[in-house]
Amino acid sequence: MKTLIISLLYPLPENTGGRMRTMNFARFFKAHGEVDILYLDPESKKINDSNIFTKEHSIYPRYQNLKNHGGKTNEWKNETKERIKRLIENRPYIVAEWSLDSCKKFKSLVENEKYDVILCRYISNSFPLFKLSEEYKKRTVIDFDDFYSEEYLRKEAATISNLYRKFKKYIQNKFVMGYQKKCLKFGAALFCSPIDLENISAYRQKENIFIIPNTYPENNKFDSSYNDGYRNLGTFLFIGTLDYGPNRVGIKWFIENIFRQVLIENPDSKLLIVGRNPPEEISQICEKIPQIELHSNVPDVCPFYEKCGVVVVPIFEGGGTRIKILEAAMAMRPVLSTPFGAYGLNLTDGDNIMIFKDREGFMQKYIKLSDKDAYLSIVYNMKKTVESKYSPESFNNAMKIVIKNMIGRNGN
């Protein structure tokens, strides 16, 4: 079997949740044949010694620089043309623009290499797939990962007060839902959780829709030194891509509404924020509070688990499931999460995770962890649950069902 994986980022090193999931797919397909990677951000490649991919391709979807096509005047014209194109193609803002030349390069690559399976990470990268023949569309797998539910889009629109912007958002949201329905027509559609699958199944029968759970990072080997997190109970860890909206909003809320209160009661507390591409507003907030350490674009997150006693997941929106929670479980660190942060994971508050909704709830759960027996009970229960339900074996077994189903329907 010959497979092409399409990803915005080159997936190595595995230092973000998105890259980890991409590499889980890569390892699965590697066990069944050749795997090629097509990454769309040429600057994201930092490692050159991968033994996973047979061939590596990079296609930049947009024009390299709009100014090269005529300066500021033409830049404005190109942007206007792009908006008109989006309307005609029913292509929402979440889907990346692909130039005509880039689409041709992609189609040529697929046809020349004669791939048996094409797996696209995220619907945002999926637009050129619609240019393929029906034969290749049947071989295509879309990994939705971050699914846009109607409820999430309604809540997002509800925060807008300007009537014109509200109407514009309403139209865009209609495009988003319509585009997601179109993406269900490929060979298979993958989701991280039963909740996402139920949200989408109302639009289409389930014969080509599957749950592929996230798994704990296979490459992170936490040794015995990680077992004593209790001694670092005053150090909190947040991990997440910081230019991703839900992560940015969540950590800002946590700092302002919870961590400042924690510092009043425990001045020696620390907050470690580890993530890719922190925006200026996050950097400025961290600079103002000495007890916060911001670590951006780190090659390995494991050392930060060793330094912390508790992992926090203050997330209120988004999709998919949080790999950081699974990773924390393997590092033997308890997780304090909002209900949405633990969305899609089969976990139980008070048994293997601590769920909070506000500052008072957070402090109550955090105080419970000050009892060492309670602390150890949470971490051991969490690790046991994750090892049984979110292992690489669980991921691989689920993917075998997807491929078997596709082959059966395509008659190959």
Protein backbone atom coordinates (compact mmCIF):
# COMPACT_ATOMS: atom_id res chain seq x y z
CA MET A 1 0.00 0.00 0.00
CA LYS A 2 1.30 3.42 -0.97
CA THR A 3 0.07 6.37 1.09
CA LEU A 4 0.30 10.16 0.91
CA ILE A 5 -0.26 12.17 4.10
CA ILE A 6 -1.16 15.85 3.66
CA SER A 7 -0.28 18.10 6.57
CA LEU A 8 0.13 21.83 7.05
CA LEU A 9 3.28 21.29 9.13
CA TYR A 10 6.15 18.91 8.67
CA PRO A 11 5.29 16.53 11.53
CA LEU A 12 8.72 16.22 13.12
CA PRO A 13 9.71 16.88 15.84
CA GLU A 14 6.58 15.61 17.61
CA ASN A 15 6.30 18.62 19.90
CA THR A 16 2.64 19.53 19.29
CA GLY A 17 -0.59 17.55 19.47
CA GLY A 18 -1.24 17.97 15.75
CA ARG A 19 2.19 16.63 14.81
CA MET A 20 1.76 13.70 17.20
CA ARG A 21 -1.49 12.63 15.56
CA THR A 22 0.05 12.99 12.10
CA MET A 23 2.92 10.74 13.12
CA ASN A 24 0.49 8.17 14.53
CA PHE A 25 -1.00 7.91 11.04
CA ALA A 26 2.47 7.81 9.49
CA ARG A 27 3.58 4.92 11.71
CA PHE A 28 0.40 2.99 10.96
CA PHE A 29 0.75 3.30 7.18
CA LYS A 30 4.52 2.65 7.38
CA ALA A 31 3.71 -0.78 8.81
CA HIS A 32 1.65 -1.48 5.67
CA GLY A 33 3.84 -0.05 2.91
CA GLU A 34 5.37 3.20 1.68
CA VAL A 35 4.43 6.57 3.17
CA ASP A 36 5.04 9.97 1.55
CA ILE A 37 4.45 13.34 3.23
CA LEU A 38 3.16 16.52 1.61
CA TYR A 39 3.61 19.49 3.95
CA LEU A 40 2.28 22.93 3.04
CA ASP A 41 4.45 25.16 5.23
CA PRO A 42 8.02 24.88 3.89
CA GLU A 43 9.47 26.67 6.93
CA SER A 44 8.09 24.06 9.33
CA LYS A 45 10.70 21.45 8.42
CA LYS A 46 13.48 21.36 11.01
CA ILE A 47 14.54 17.69 10.85
CA ASN A 48 16.17 16.02 7.86
CA ASP A 49 16.87 12.49 9.10
CA SER A 50 13.39 10.94 9.13
CA ASN A 51 13.27 7.22 8.37
CA ILE A 52 9.46 7.21 8.16
CA PHE A 53 8.77 8.87 4.83
CA THR A 54 9.81 7.42 1.49
CA LYS A 55 9.40 10.76 -0.29
CA GLU A 56 8.86 14.27 1.04
CA HIS A 57 7.03 16.93 -0.94
CA SER A 58 6.20 20.55 -0.18
CA ILE A 59 3.68 22.69 -2.04
CA TYR A 60 3.00 26.21 -0.82
CA PRO A 61 -0.78 26.63 -1.45
CA ARG A 62 -0.84 30.39 -2.06
CA TYR A 63 1.26 32.73 -4.15
CA GLN A 64 4.59 33.10 -2.38
CA ASN A 65 4.13 36.84 -2.09
CA LEU A 66 1.16 38.83 -3.34
CA LYS A 67 3.36 41.91 -3.74
CA ASN A 68 5.36 40.05 -6.37
CA HIS A 69 2.22 40.17 -8.47
CA GLY A 70 1.93 43.93 -8.70
CA GLY A 71 2.42 45.71 -5.36
CA LYS A 72 -0.22 46.97 -2.91
CA THR A 73 -2.83 47.79 -5.56
CA ASN A 74 -2.79 44.29 -6.99
CA GLU A 75 -2.60 42.86 -3.48
CA TRP A 76 -5.99 44.45 -2.74
CA LYS A 77 -7.35 43.24 -6.10
CA ASN A 78 -6.12 39.71 -5.45
CA GLU A 79 -7.77 39.66 -2.02
CA THR A 80 -11.06 40.86 -3.54
CA LYS A 81 -10.87 38.20 -6.25
CA GLU A 82 -10.17 35.58 -3.60
CA ARG A 83 -13.30 36.53 -1.66
CA ILE A 84 -15.41 36.28 -4.81
CA LYS A 85 -13.86 32.89 -5.58
CA ARG A 86 -14.69 31.68 -2.07
CA LEU A 87 -18.33 32.65 -2.56
CA ILE A 88 -18.56 30.91 -5.95
CA GLU A 89 -16.85 27.75 -4.66
CA ASN A 90 -18.79 27.75 -1.37
CA ARG A 91 -15.40 27.69 0.36
CA PRO A 92 -15.45 29.09 3.93
CA TYR A 93 -12.76 31.08 5.71
CA ILE A 94 -11.47 27.99 7.54
CA VAL A 95 -10.26 26.45 4.26
CA ALA A 96 -6.86 27.50 3.00
CA GLU A 97 -6.58 29.24 -0.36
CA TRP A 98 -4.91 27.22 -3.10
CA SER A 99 -3.69 28.95 -6.24
CA LEU A 100 -4.50 27.36 -9.59
CA ASP A 101 -0.83 26.47 -10.06
CA SER A 102 -0.66 24.78 -6.63
CA CYS A 103 -3.79 22.74 -7.37
CA LYS A 104 -2.24 21.56 -10.64
CA LYS A 105 0.99 20.55 -8.87
CA PHE A 106 -0.99 18.61 -6.28
CA LYS A 107 -3.12 16.79 -8.87
CA SER A 108 -0.02 15.93 -10.90
CA LEU A 109 1.74 14.57 -7.81
CA VAL A 110 -1.16 12.29 -6.88
CA GLU A 111 -1.64 10.96 -10.41
CA ASN A 112 2.08 10.41 -11.08
CA GLU A 113 2.69 8.57 -7.80
CA LYS A 114 -0.55 6.52 -8.05
CA TYR A 115 -1.33 6.52 -4.34
CA ASP A 116 -3.57 3.84 -2.87
CA VAL A 117 -4.57 6.06 0.06
CA ILE A 118 -4.52 9.85 0.48
CA LEU A 119 -4.96 11.02 4.06
CA CYS A 120 -5.59 14.72 4.63
CA ARG A 121 -5.10 16.15 8.12
CA TYR A 122 -7.81 18.76 8.80
CA ILE A 123 -10.51 19.95 6.42
CA SER A 124 -8.70 23.30 6.19
CA ASN A 125 -6.17 21.64 3.85
CA SER A 126 -8.70 19.70 1.79
CA PHE A 127 -9.67 22.04 -1.06
CA PRO A 128 -7.48 20.56 -3.87
CA LEU A 129 -8.89 17.09 -3.14
CA PHE A 130 -12.09 18.15 -4.89
CA LYS A 131 -10.05 18.55 -8.10
CA LEU A 132 -9.19 14.83 -8.14
CA SER A 133 -10.94 12.17 -10.19
CA GLU A 134 -13.68 10.08 -8.59
CA GLU A 135 -11.27 7.15 -8.45
CA TYR A 136 -8.89 9.08 -6.16
CA LYS A 137 -11.69 10.66 -4.13
CA LYS A 138 -12.74 7.15 -3.11
CA ARG A 139 -9.20 6.55 -1.85
CA THR A 140 -9.16 9.78 0.17
CA VAL A 141 -9.46 9.94 3.96
CA ILE A 142 -10.28 13.24 5.67
CA ASP A 143 -9.20 13.50 9.29
CA PHE A 144 -11.48 16.24 10.62
CA ASP A 145 -9.76 16.36 14.05
CA ASP A 146 -11.06 19.85 15.00
CA PHE A 147 -14.74 19.58 14.09
CA TYR A 148 -16.88 22.72 13.85
CA SER A 149 -20.24 21.92 15.46
CA GLU A 150 -23.32 24.08 14.92
CA GLU A 151 -23.40 24.79 18.65
CA TYR A 152 -19.81 26.05 18.65
CA LEU A 153 -20.43 28.28 15.62
CA ARG A 154 -23.60 29.72 17.20
CA LYS A 155 -21.76 30.55 20.42
CA GLU A 156 -18.98 32.20 18.44
CA ALA A 157 -21.47 34.33 16.50
CA ALA A 158 -23.31 35.28 19.71
CA THR A 159 -20.24 37.19 20.93
CA ILE A 160 -20.47 39.64 17.99
CA SER A 161 -22.51 42.81 18.64
CA ASN A 162 -22.12 44.60 15.28
CA LEU A 163 -25.12 43.63 13.10
CA TYR A 164 -23.19 43.67 9.82
CA ARG A 165 -20.39 41.49 11.23
CA LYS A 166 -22.98 39.23 12.85
CA PHE A 167 -24.74 38.70 9.49
CA LYS A 168 -21.40 38.12 7.78
CA LYS A 169 -20.51 35.54 10.42
CA TYR A 170 -23.88 33.84 9.98
CA ILE A 171 -23.26 33.44 6.23
CA GLN A 172 -19.73 32.16 6.85
CA ASN A 173 -21.01 29.61 9.35
CA LYS A 174 -23.47 28.32 6.77
CA PHE A 175 -20.53 27.86 4.42
CA VAL A 176 -18.59 26.00 7.12
CA MET A 177 -21.38 23.50 7.77
CA GLY A 178 -21.98 23.04 4.03
CA TYR A 179 -18.29 22.42 3.37
CA GLN A 180 -18.05 19.86 6.18
CA LYS A 181 -20.95 17.96 4.63
CA LYS A 182 -19.10 17.92 1.28
CA CYS A 183 -16.01 16.49 2.97
CA LEU A 184 -18.06 13.50 4.15
CA LYS A 185 -18.38 12.33 0.55
CA PHE A 186 -14.76 11.14 0.28
CA GLY A 187 -13.71 7.57 0.98
CA ALA A 188 -13.68 7.98 4.76
CA ALA A 189 -14.09 10.68 7.40
CA LEU A 190 -12.33 10.41 10.74
CA PHE A 191 -13.19 12.00 14.08
CA CYS A 192 -11.45 11.94 17.44
CA SER A 193 -14.46 11.25 19.65
CA PRO A 194 -17.99 9.79 19.71
CA ILE A 195 -19.34 13.30 20.43
CA ASP A 196 -17.95 14.67 17.17
CA LEU A 197 -19.23 11.66 15.27
CA GLU A 198 -22.74 12.09 16.68
CA ASN A 199 -22.70 15.79 15.77
CA ILE A 200 -21.87 15.04 12.15
CA SER A 201 -23.86 11.82 11.67
CA ALA A 202 -27.13 13.75 11.46
CA TYR A 203 -26.04 14.85 7.99
CA ARG A 204 -25.06 11.48 6.56
CA GLN A 205 -25.22 7.76 7.25
CA LYS A 206 -22.30 6.32 9.15
CA GLU A 207 -20.91 3.78 6.69
CA ASN A 208 -17.81 5.87 5.95
CA ILE A 209 -17.49 7.78 9.25
CA PHE A 210 -15.15 6.46 11.95
CA ILE A 211 -13.79 7.29 15.38
CA ILE A 212 -9.99 7.24 15.49
CA PRO A 213 -9.08 8.15 19.06
CA ASN A 214 -6.04 10.18 19.87
CA THR A 215 -3.34 8.23 21.62
CA TYR A 216 -0.62 9.08 24.07
CA PRO A 217 2.63 10.06 22.32
CA GLU A 218 4.53 6.91 21.51
CA ASN A 219 7.87 8.72 21.33
CA ASN A 220 7.73 10.19 24.84
CA LYS A 221 9.31 7.77 27.31
CA PHE A 222 8.79 8.99 30.85
CA ASP A 223 11.17 7.24 33.25
CA SER A 224 10.87 6.76 37.01
CA SER A 225 12.05 10.32 37.72
CA TYR A 226 8.65 11.57 36.60
CA ASN A 227 6.72 9.59 39.21
CA ASP A 228 7.12 12.05 42.07
CA GLY A 229 5.14 15.01 40.80
CA TYR A 230 3.69 15.66 44.24
CA ARG A 231 6.89 17.39 45.34
CA ASN A 232 6.25 20.01 42.64
CA LEU A 233 2.61 20.59 43.56
CA GLY A 234 3.05 24.37 43.42
CA THR A 235 4.15 24.33 39.77
CA PHE A 236 1.46 24.28 37.07
CA LEU A 237 2.04 23.37 33.43
CA PHE A 238 0.06 24.47 30.39
CA ILE A 239 0.98 23.01 26.99
CA GLY A 240 -0.60 24.03 23.72
CA THR A 241 -0.13 25.71 20.36
CA LEU A 242 -0.40 29.36 21.38
CA ASP A 243 -1.50 30.81 18.05
CA TYR A 244 -4.54 28.50 18.18
CA GLY A 245 -7.52 30.58 19.34
CA PRO A 246 -9.00 28.24 22.01
CA ASN A 247 -5.57 27.78 23.65
CA ARG A 248 -4.86 31.52 23.61
CA VAL A 249 -8.25 32.42 25.10
CA GLY A 250 -8.02 29.64 27.67
CA ILE A 251 -4.62 30.48 29.09
CA LYS A 252 -5.44 34.20 29.25
CA TRP A 253 -8.58 33.37 31.22
CA PHE A 254 -6.65 31.04 33.53
CA ILE A 255 -4.00 33.64 34.30
CA GLU A 256 -6.44 36.46 35.01
CA ASN A 257 -9.12 34.49 36.85
CA ILE A 258 -7.26 31.72 38.62
CA PHE A 259 -3.48 31.98 38.70
CA ARG A 260 -3.48 35.49 40.14
CA GLN A 261 -5.64 34.17 43.00
CA VAL A 262 -3.32 31.19 43.45
CA LEU A 263 -0.40 33.60 43.85
CA ILE A 264 -2.23 35.52 46.59
CA GLU A 265 -2.59 32.33 48.63
CA ASN A 266 0.68 30.68 47.52
CA PRO A 267 3.22 33.32 46.37
CA ASP A 268 5.83 30.66 45.54
CA SER A 269 3.64 29.03 42.88
CA LYS A 270 4.80 28.91 39.27
CA LEU A 271 3.09 28.57 35.91
CA LEU A 272 5.03 27.07 33.01
CA ILE A 273 3.52 27.88 29.60
CA VAL A 274 4.96 25.77 26.80
CA GLY A 275 3.78 26.19 23.23
CA ARG A 276 4.37 27.06 19.62
CA ASN A 277 4.21 30.61 18.22
CA PRO A 278 3.06 32.67 21.23
CA PRO A 279 1.36 35.90 20.08
CA GLU A 280 2.54 39.23 21.42
CA GLU A 281 -0.38 39.56 23.84
CA ILE A 282 0.56 36.30 25.58
CA SER A 283 4.22 37.30 25.77
CA GLN A 284 3.31 40.65 27.33
CA ILE A 285 1.07 39.06 29.96
CA CYS A 286 3.82 36.61 30.94
CA GLU A 287 6.43 39.36 31.19
CA LYS A 288 4.34 41.19 33.78
CA ILE A 289 4.16 38.22 36.18
CA PRO A 290 7.56 36.92 37.37
CA GLN A 291 6.10 33.59 38.47
CA ILE A 292 5.15 32.75 34.85
CA GLU A 293 7.73 31.18 32.54
CA LEU A 294 6.99 31.21 28.80
CA HIS A 295 8.82 28.61 26.72
CA SER A 296 8.13 28.84 23.00
CA ASN A 297 8.79 26.33 20.21
CA VAL A 298 10.62 23.82 22.40
CA PRO A 299 11.94 20.63 20.74
CA ASP A 300 10.86 18.40 23.64
CA VAL A 301 8.13 18.91 26.25
CA CYS A 302 9.17 16.03 28.52
CA PRO A 303 11.49 18.08 30.79
CA PHE A 304 8.63 20.42 31.66
CA TYR A 305 6.51 17.56 32.94
CA GLU A 306 9.36 16.65 35.27
CA LYS A 307 9.34 20.20 36.67
CA CYS A 308 5.59 20.44 37.28
CA GLY A 309 3.14 18.94 39.73
CA VAL A 310 -0.16 19.66 37.97
CA VAL A 311 -1.22 20.05 34.31
CA VAL A 312 -3.97 22.59 33.59
CA VAL A 313 -6.31 22.50 30.58
CA PRO A 314 -8.51 25.65 30.69
CA ILE A 315 -10.19 25.21 27.28
CA PHE A 316 -13.72 26.43 26.47
CA GLU A 317 -14.03 25.84 22.71
CA GLY A 318 -12.58 23.98 19.75
CA GLY A 319 -12.79 20.36 18.63
CA GLY A 320 -10.98 17.05 18.73
CA THR A 321 -9.53 15.77 21.98
CA ARG A 322 -6.60 17.01 24.02
CA ILE A 323 -3.45 14.91 23.49
CA LYS A 324 -1.88 16.95 26.29
CA ILE A 325 -4.21 15.17 28.76
CA LEU A 326 -3.10 11.75 27.51
CA GLU A 327 0.51 12.86 27.66
CA ALA A 328 0.09 14.10 31.24
CA ALA A 329 -1.32 10.71 32.19
CA MET A 330 1.80 8.93 30.96
CA ALA A 331 3.98 11.47 32.80
CA MET A 332 2.06 10.67 36.01
CA ARG A 333 0.77 14.22 36.49
CA PRO A 334 -2.83 14.98 37.53
CA VAL A 335 -4.92 17.10 35.20
CA LEU A 336 -7.16 19.98 36.24
CA SER A 337 -9.43 20.71 33.29
CA THR A 338 -12.56 22.57 32.31
CA PRO A 339 -15.40 20.29 31.12
CA PHE A 340 -14.71 21.26 27.51
CA GLY A 341 -11.00 20.65 27.96
CA ALA A 342 -11.77 16.99 28.67
CA TYR A 343 -14.34 16.90 25.86
CA GLY A 344 -14.48 13.62 23.98
CA LEU A 345 -12.36 11.65 26.45
CA ASN A 346 -13.94 8.92 28.54
CA LEU A 347 -12.75 10.23 31.91
CA THR A 348 -14.46 10.56 35.30
CA ASP A 349 -14.23 13.65 37.50
CA GLY A 350 -12.66 12.85 40.85
CA ASP A 351 -11.47 9.41 39.77
CA ASN A 352 -8.90 10.00 37.02
CA ILE A 353 -9.23 13.72 36.31
CA MET A 354 -10.23 16.89 38.18
CA ILE A 355 -12.90 19.01 36.44
CA PHE A 356 -13.52 22.69 37.30
CA LYS A 357 -15.77 25.38 35.86
CA ASP A 358 -14.62 28.48 37.74
CA ARG A 359 -12.03 29.77 40.22
CA GLU A 360 -13.84 28.37 43.25
CA GLY A 361 -14.12 24.94 41.66
CA PHE A 362 -10.46 25.00 40.68
CA MET A 363 -9.30 25.85 44.19
CA GLN A 364 -11.46 23.11 45.71
CA LYS A 365 -10.02 20.46 43.40
CA TYR A 366 -6.48 21.76 43.81
CA ILE A 367 -6.75 21.61 47.60
CA LYS A 368 -7.85 17.96 47.33
CA LEU A 369 -4.62 17.20 45.48
CA SER A 370 -2.63 18.46 48.46
CA ASP A 371 -3.48 15.11 50.07
CA LYS A 372 -0.76 12.83 48.72
CA ASP A 373 -2.97 9.74 48.72
CA ALA A 374 -5.59 11.56 46.64
CA TYR A 375 -2.86 12.87 44.33
CA LEU A 376 -1.41 9.42 43.70
CA SER A 377 -4.85 7.85 43.28
CA ILE A 378 -5.72 10.32 40.50
CA VAL A 379 -2.45 9.82 38.60
CA TYR A 380 -2.48 6.02 38.79
CA ASN A 381 -6.14 5.79 37.78
CA MET A 382 -5.52 8.19 34.90
CA LYS A 383 -2.53 6.28 33.59
CA LYS A 384 -4.40 2.97 33.77
CA THR A 385 -7.37 4.43 31.87
CA VAL A 386 -5.24 6.00 29.15
CA GLU A 387 -3.13 2.87 28.67
CA SER A 388 -6.25 0.77 28.17
CA LYS A 389 -8.36 3.14 26.00
CA TYR A 390 -5.92 5.48 24.23
CA SER A 391 -2.94 3.29 23.39
CA PRO A 392 -1.18 3.10 20.00
CA GLU A 393 -2.71 -0.37 19.65
CA SER A 394 -6.22 1.11 19.99
CA PHE A 395 -5.38 3.67 17.30
CA ASN A 396 -3.97 1.04 14.93
CA ASN A 397 -6.90 -1.35 15.41
CA ALA A 398 -9.35 1.44 14.61
CA MET A 399 -7.41 2.37 11.46
CA LYS A 400 -7.40 -1.26 10.27
CA ILE A 401 -11.20 -1.14 10.27
CA VAL A 402 -11.15 2.08 8.21
CA ILE A 403 -8.86 0.62 5.53
CA LYS A 404 -10.74 -2.69 5.40
CA ASN A 405 -14.02 -0.81 4.98
CA MET A 406 -12.62 1.39 2.18
CA ILE A 407 -11.18 -1.57 0.33
CA GLY A 408 -14.47 -3.45 0.62
CA ARG A 409 -16.54 -0.56 -0.70
CA ASN A 410 -14.09 0.25 -3.52
CA GLY A 411 -13.78 -3.38 -4.58
CA ASN A 412 -9.98 -3.34 -4.46
